[in-house]
Amino acid sequence: MSRKPWSSLGAAAALAAASLAAPAQTRFSADDIAQGHALYDKSCVHCHGFNMVNSGTTVYDLRRFPVDDPDRFYNSVSNGKGNMASYKDALTLEQIKLLWAYVGSRGGKEP
């Protein structure tokens, strides 16, 4: 059975390109993180705790939110999930993106 070396190389190159593109999605500006933190303190802190610190027993511990799944975050905030109410009428998409910058960067600890 002959093996085509270029097919392995093509797959490896595609994988490398995908892994290089992924971090760009999680990079947030310091300004977006700061604005997201301020919005978090206004809209989310009551349930999710200061700096996202809570026991995680009654509400979701946002420090554990998968940073590679912004769509899940947008959906949860917009439509609600579990005990969390929908915020689609209270927050704009831009505000949700700022919240994601704060949550997705682990409170500015991970760029």
N, C-alpha and C. Protein backbone atom coordinates (compact mmCIF):
# COMPACT_ATOMS: atom_id res chain seq x y z
N MET A 1 0.84 -1.17 0.00
CA MET A 1 0.00 0.00 0.00
C MET A 1 0.89 1.24 0.00
N SER A 2 0.75 2.07 -1.00
CA SER A 2 1.58 3.27 -1.05
C SER A 2 0.88 4.42 -0.34
N ARG A 3 1.67 5.23 0.30
CA ARG A 3 1.14 6.36 1.04
C ARG A 3 1.55 7.64 0.34
N LYS A 4 0.62 8.56 0.21
CA LYS A 4 0.93 9.82 -0.46
C LYS A 4 1.41 10.82 0.59
N PRO A 5 2.69 11.18 0.55
CA PRO A 5 3.24 12.05 1.58
C PRO A 5 2.61 13.44 1.60
N TRP A 6 2.17 13.94 0.44
CA TRP A 6 1.60 15.28 0.41
C TRP A 6 0.25 15.36 1.12
N SER A 7 -0.50 14.25 1.19
CA SER A 7 -1.79 14.31 1.89
C SER A 7 -1.57 14.50 3.38
N SER A 8 -0.53 13.90 3.94
CA SER A 8 -0.20 14.09 5.35
C SER A 8 0.26 15.51 5.60
N LEU A 9 1.06 16.01 4.68
CA LEU A 9 1.55 17.37 4.83
C LEU A 9 0.42 18.39 4.73
N GLY A 10 -0.51 18.14 3.82
CA GLY A 10 -1.65 19.05 3.67
C GLY A 10 -2.50 19.08 4.92
N ALA A 11 -2.73 17.93 5.52
CA ALA A 11 -3.52 17.87 6.74
C ALA A 11 -2.78 18.56 7.88
N ALA A 12 -1.47 18.35 7.96
CA ALA A 12 -0.68 18.99 9.01
C ALA A 12 -0.68 20.51 8.85
N ALA A 13 -0.57 20.97 7.60
CA ALA A 13 -0.58 22.41 7.35
C ALA A 13 -1.93 23.02 7.71
N ALA A 14 -3.01 22.32 7.38
CA ALA A 14 -4.34 22.81 7.71
C ALA A 14 -4.53 22.88 9.22
N LEU A 15 -4.03 21.86 9.93
CA LEU A 15 -4.14 21.85 11.39
C LEU A 15 -3.33 22.99 11.98
N ALA A 16 -2.13 23.22 11.48
CA ALA A 16 -1.29 24.30 11.97
C ALA A 16 -1.94 25.65 11.74
N ALA A 17 -2.53 25.83 10.57
CA ALA A 17 -3.21 27.10 10.26
C ALA A 17 -4.39 27.31 11.19
N ALA A 18 -5.15 26.26 11.46
CA ALA A 18 -6.30 26.37 12.35
C ALA A 18 -5.86 26.71 13.77
N SER A 19 -4.77 26.10 14.24
CA SER A 19 -4.31 26.37 15.60
C SER A 19 -3.75 27.78 15.72
N LEU A 20 -3.20 28.32 14.64
CA LEU A 20 -2.71 29.69 14.67
C LEU A 20 -3.86 30.68 14.67
N ALA A 21 -4.97 30.33 14.03
CA ALA A 21 -6.10 31.24 13.95
C ALA A 21 -6.88 31.28 15.25
N ALA A 22 -6.92 30.18 16.00
CA ALA A 22 -7.73 30.10 17.21
C ALA A 22 -7.38 31.15 18.26
N PRO A 23 -6.10 31.40 18.59
CA PRO A 23 -5.81 32.38 19.63
C PRO A 23 -6.31 33.78 19.31
N ALA A 24 -6.38 34.13 18.04
CA ALA A 24 -6.83 35.48 17.67
C ALA A 24 -8.26 35.73 18.16
N GLN A 25 -9.05 34.68 18.25
CA GLN A 25 -10.43 34.83 18.70
C GLN A 25 -10.50 35.17 20.19
N THR A 26 -9.48 34.84 20.96
CA THR A 26 -9.52 35.06 22.40
C THR A 26 -8.72 36.28 22.82
N ARG A 27 -8.19 37.03 21.89
CA ARG A 27 -7.45 38.25 22.24
C ARG A 27 -8.42 39.41 22.37
N PHE A 28 -8.29 40.09 23.49
CA PHE A 28 -9.17 41.21 23.76
C PHE A 28 -8.33 42.43 24.09
N SER A 29 -8.83 43.60 23.73
CA SER A 29 -8.10 44.81 24.08
C SER A 29 -8.30 45.10 25.57
N ALA A 30 -7.33 45.78 26.15
CA ALA A 30 -7.42 46.15 27.56
C ALA A 30 -8.64 47.04 27.79
N ASP A 31 -8.96 47.88 26.82
CA ASP A 31 -10.12 48.77 26.94
C ASP A 31 -11.43 47.97 26.94
N ASP A 32 -11.53 46.97 26.05
CA ASP A 32 -12.73 46.14 26.02
C ASP A 32 -12.89 45.36 27.32
N ILE A 33 -11.79 44.85 27.85
CA ILE A 33 -11.84 44.11 29.11
C ILE A 33 -12.29 45.04 30.24
N ALA A 34 -11.75 46.25 30.29
CA ALA A 34 -12.13 47.21 31.33
C ALA A 34 -13.60 47.60 31.22
N GLN A 35 -14.06 47.84 29.99
CA GLN A 35 -15.47 48.17 29.80
C GLN A 35 -16.37 46.98 30.17
N GLY A 36 -15.92 45.79 29.81
CA GLY A 36 -16.66 44.58 30.16
C GLY A 36 -16.73 44.38 31.65
N HIS A 37 -15.62 44.67 32.35
CA HIS A 37 -15.59 44.55 33.81
C HIS A 37 -16.58 45.53 34.44
N ALA A 38 -16.59 46.76 33.96
CA ALA A 38 -17.53 47.76 34.49
C ALA A 38 -18.98 47.33 34.26
N LEU A 39 -19.25 46.81 33.08
CA LEU A 39 -20.60 46.33 32.77
C LEU A 39 -20.95 45.11 33.61
N TYR A 40 -19.98 44.23 33.81
CA TYR A 40 -20.17 43.06 34.67
C TYR A 40 -20.54 43.52 36.09
N ASP A 41 -19.80 44.50 36.61
CA ASP A 41 -20.08 45.00 37.96
C ASP A 41 -21.47 45.60 38.07
N LYS A 42 -21.98 46.09 36.97
CA LYS A 42 -23.31 46.70 36.96
C LYS A 42 -24.42 45.66 36.76
N SER A 43 -24.17 44.65 35.93
CA SER A 43 -25.23 43.74 35.51
C SER A 43 -25.13 42.31 36.03
N CYS A 44 -23.95 41.86 36.39
CA CYS A 44 -23.75 40.43 36.65
C CYS A 44 -23.28 40.10 38.07
N VAL A 45 -22.64 41.07 38.71
CA VAL A 45 -21.99 40.82 39.99
C VAL A 45 -22.95 40.32 41.07
N HIS A 46 -24.20 40.71 40.98
CA HIS A 46 -25.18 40.33 42.00
C HIS A 46 -25.31 38.81 42.12
N CYS A 47 -25.22 38.13 41.01
CA CYS A 47 -25.36 36.67 41.03
C CYS A 47 -24.01 35.95 40.91
N HIS A 48 -23.14 36.47 40.04
CA HIS A 48 -21.90 35.75 39.73
C HIS A 48 -20.72 36.16 40.60
N GLY A 49 -20.90 37.16 41.47
CA GLY A 49 -19.87 37.53 42.44
C GLY A 49 -18.84 38.52 41.92
N PHE A 50 -18.20 39.22 42.87
CA PHE A 50 -17.14 40.16 42.52
C PHE A 50 -16.00 39.41 41.84
N ASN A 51 -15.53 39.95 40.74
CA ASN A 51 -14.44 39.35 39.96
C ASN A 51 -14.74 37.91 39.58
N MET A 52 -16.01 37.60 39.39
CA MET A 52 -16.50 36.28 38.98
C MET A 52 -16.27 35.22 40.05
N VAL A 53 -15.99 35.60 41.28
CA VAL A 53 -15.72 34.64 42.34
C VAL A 53 -17.03 34.30 43.05
N ASN A 54 -17.40 33.03 42.98
CA ASN A 54 -18.54 32.51 43.72
C ASN A 54 -18.30 31.02 43.93
N SER A 55 -19.13 30.43 44.74
CA SER A 55 -18.93 29.01 45.06
C SER A 55 -19.28 28.08 43.91
N GLY A 56 -20.06 28.56 42.96
CA GLY A 56 -20.45 27.72 41.83
C GLY A 56 -21.54 26.72 42.19
N THR A 57 -22.12 26.85 43.37
CA THR A 57 -23.15 25.90 43.77
C THR A 57 -24.55 26.32 43.36
N THR A 58 -24.82 27.61 43.34
CA THR A 58 -26.16 28.07 42.95
C THR A 58 -26.18 28.78 41.61
N VAL A 59 -25.06 29.35 41.21
CA VAL A 59 -24.94 29.99 39.90
C VAL A 59 -23.64 29.50 39.26
N TYR A 60 -23.59 29.64 37.96
CA TYR A 60 -22.42 29.16 37.21
C TYR A 60 -21.18 29.96 37.59
N ASP A 61 -20.08 29.27 37.82
CA ASP A 61 -18.79 29.90 38.09
C ASP A 61 -18.17 30.30 36.76
N LEU A 62 -18.25 31.58 36.43
CA LEU A 62 -17.79 32.06 35.12
C LEU A 62 -16.30 31.91 34.91
N ARG A 63 -15.55 31.71 35.97
CA ARG A 63 -14.10 31.49 35.81
C ARG A 63 -13.83 30.16 35.11
N ARG A 64 -14.83 29.28 35.08
CA ARG A 64 -14.69 27.97 34.43
C ARG A 64 -15.33 27.95 33.04
N PHE A 65 -15.84 29.08 32.58
CA PHE A 65 -16.51 29.11 31.28
C PHE A 65 -15.50 28.80 30.18
N PRO A 66 -15.83 27.92 29.25
CA PRO A 66 -14.89 27.58 28.18
C PRO A 66 -14.56 28.80 27.32
N VAL A 67 -13.30 29.20 27.31
CA VAL A 67 -12.91 30.41 26.59
C VAL A 67 -12.94 30.24 25.08
N ASP A 68 -13.09 29.02 24.63
CA ASP A 68 -13.15 28.78 23.19
C ASP A 68 -14.58 28.66 22.68
N ASP A 69 -15.55 29.12 23.47
CA ASP A 69 -16.95 28.97 23.08
C ASP A 69 -17.76 30.26 23.28
N PRO A 70 -17.35 31.34 22.58
CA PRO A 70 -18.08 32.60 22.75
C PRO A 70 -19.55 32.50 22.34
N ASP A 71 -19.87 31.65 21.36
CA ASP A 71 -21.27 31.52 20.93
C ASP A 71 -22.14 31.00 22.08
N ARG A 72 -21.60 30.08 22.85
CA ARG A 72 -22.35 29.57 24.01
C ARG A 72 -22.61 30.70 25.01
N PHE A 73 -21.60 31.55 25.21
CA PHE A 73 -21.76 32.69 26.13
C PHE A 73 -22.84 33.63 25.63
N TYR A 74 -22.76 34.01 24.34
CA TYR A 74 -23.76 34.92 23.77
C TYR A 74 -25.16 34.33 23.89
N ASN A 75 -25.28 33.05 23.61
CA ASN A 75 -26.58 32.39 23.69
C ASN A 75 -27.11 32.37 25.13
N SER A 76 -26.24 32.05 26.08
CA SER A 76 -26.66 31.99 27.48
C SER A 76 -27.12 33.35 27.99
N VAL A 77 -26.37 34.39 27.65
CA VAL A 77 -26.73 35.74 28.11
C VAL A 77 -27.99 36.22 27.39
N SER A 78 -28.07 36.00 26.11
CA SER A 78 -29.22 36.47 25.34
C SER A 78 -30.51 35.74 25.68
N ASN A 79 -30.43 34.43 25.78
CA ASN A 79 -31.64 33.62 25.93
C ASN A 79 -31.86 33.07 27.33
N GLY A 80 -30.88 33.24 28.20
CA GLY A 80 -30.97 32.68 29.54
C GLY A 80 -30.63 31.20 29.52
N LYS A 81 -30.34 30.69 30.70
CA LYS A 81 -30.02 29.26 30.79
C LYS A 81 -30.16 28.86 32.26
N GLY A 82 -30.87 27.78 32.50
CA GLY A 82 -31.07 27.34 33.88
C GLY A 82 -31.78 28.41 34.68
N ASN A 83 -31.16 28.83 35.77
CA ASN A 83 -31.74 29.87 36.64
C ASN A 83 -31.50 31.29 36.11
N MET A 84 -30.69 31.41 35.09
CA MET A 84 -30.36 32.74 34.56
C MET A 84 -31.43 33.22 33.58
N ALA A 85 -31.86 34.44 33.81
CA ALA A 85 -32.86 35.05 32.93
C ALA A 85 -32.23 35.49 31.62
N SER A 86 -33.05 35.72 30.63
CA SER A 86 -32.61 36.25 29.35
C SER A 86 -32.30 37.74 29.50
N TYR A 87 -31.21 38.17 28.89
CA TYR A 87 -30.83 39.58 28.91
C TYR A 87 -30.92 40.21 27.52
N LYS A 88 -31.61 39.55 26.59
CA LYS A 88 -31.65 40.07 25.22
C LYS A 88 -32.35 41.42 25.12
N ASP A 89 -33.25 41.71 26.04
CA ASP A 89 -33.92 43.01 26.02
C ASP A 89 -33.22 44.04 26.91
N ALA A 90 -32.25 43.59 27.70
CA ALA A 90 -31.57 44.49 28.63
C ALA A 90 -30.17 44.88 28.14
N LEU A 91 -29.54 44.03 27.33
CA LEU A 91 -28.18 44.29 26.86
C LEU A 91 -28.12 44.24 25.34
N THR A 92 -27.33 45.13 24.78
CA THR A 92 -27.11 45.10 23.33
C THR A 92 -26.06 44.03 23.01
N LEU A 93 -25.96 43.68 21.74
CA LEU A 93 -24.93 42.73 21.32
C LEU A 93 -23.54 43.27 21.64
N GLU A 94 -23.35 44.56 21.47
CA GLU A 94 -22.06 45.18 21.80
C GLU A 94 -21.74 45.03 23.28
N GLN A 95 -22.73 45.21 24.13
CA GLN A 95 -22.51 45.03 25.57
C GLN A 95 -22.18 43.58 25.91
N ILE A 96 -22.86 42.65 25.25
CA ILE A 96 -22.57 41.24 25.49
C ILE A 96 -21.16 40.91 25.03
N LYS A 97 -20.71 41.51 23.94
CA LYS A 97 -19.34 41.30 23.46
C LYS A 97 -18.33 41.84 24.48
N LEU A 98 -18.64 42.97 25.10
CA LEU A 98 -17.75 43.52 26.13
C LEU A 98 -17.72 42.61 27.36
N LEU A 99 -18.88 42.08 27.73
CA LEU A 99 -18.91 41.12 28.84
C LEU A 99 -18.07 39.90 28.50
N TRP A 100 -18.15 39.45 27.25
CA TRP A 100 -17.35 38.30 26.83
C TRP A 100 -15.86 38.62 26.91
N ALA A 101 -15.49 39.84 26.57
CA ALA A 101 -14.08 40.23 26.67
C ALA A 101 -13.60 40.07 28.12
N TYR A 102 -14.44 40.44 29.08
CA TYR A 102 -14.07 40.31 30.48
C TYR A 102 -14.07 38.84 30.90
N VAL A 103 -15.14 38.13 30.62
CA VAL A 103 -15.25 36.72 31.03
C VAL A 103 -14.27 35.85 30.25
N GLY A 104 -14.20 36.05 28.93
CA GLY A 104 -13.33 35.23 28.09
C GLY A 104 -11.86 35.44 28.32
N SER A 105 -11.49 36.55 28.95
CA SER A 105 -10.08 36.79 29.27
C SER A 105 -9.80 36.42 30.73
N ARG A 106 -10.77 35.77 31.36
CA ARG A 106 -10.64 35.41 32.78
C ARG A 106 -10.41 36.64 33.64
N GLY A 107 -11.18 37.68 33.34
CA GLY A 107 -11.07 38.91 34.12
C GLY A 107 -9.83 39.71 33.79
N GLY A 108 -9.32 39.55 32.57
CA GLY A 108 -8.13 40.28 32.15
C GLY A 108 -6.84 39.56 32.49
N LYS A 109 -6.93 38.36 33.04
CA LYS A 109 -5.73 37.62 33.43
C LYS A 109 -5.14 36.83 32.28
N GLU A 110 -5.96 36.54 31.27
CA GLU A 110 -5.47 35.81 30.09
C GLU A 110 -5.83 36.60 28.85
N PRO A 111 -4.83 37.08 28.14
CA PRO A 111 -5.12 37.89 26.94
C PRO A 111 -5.77 37.09 25.84
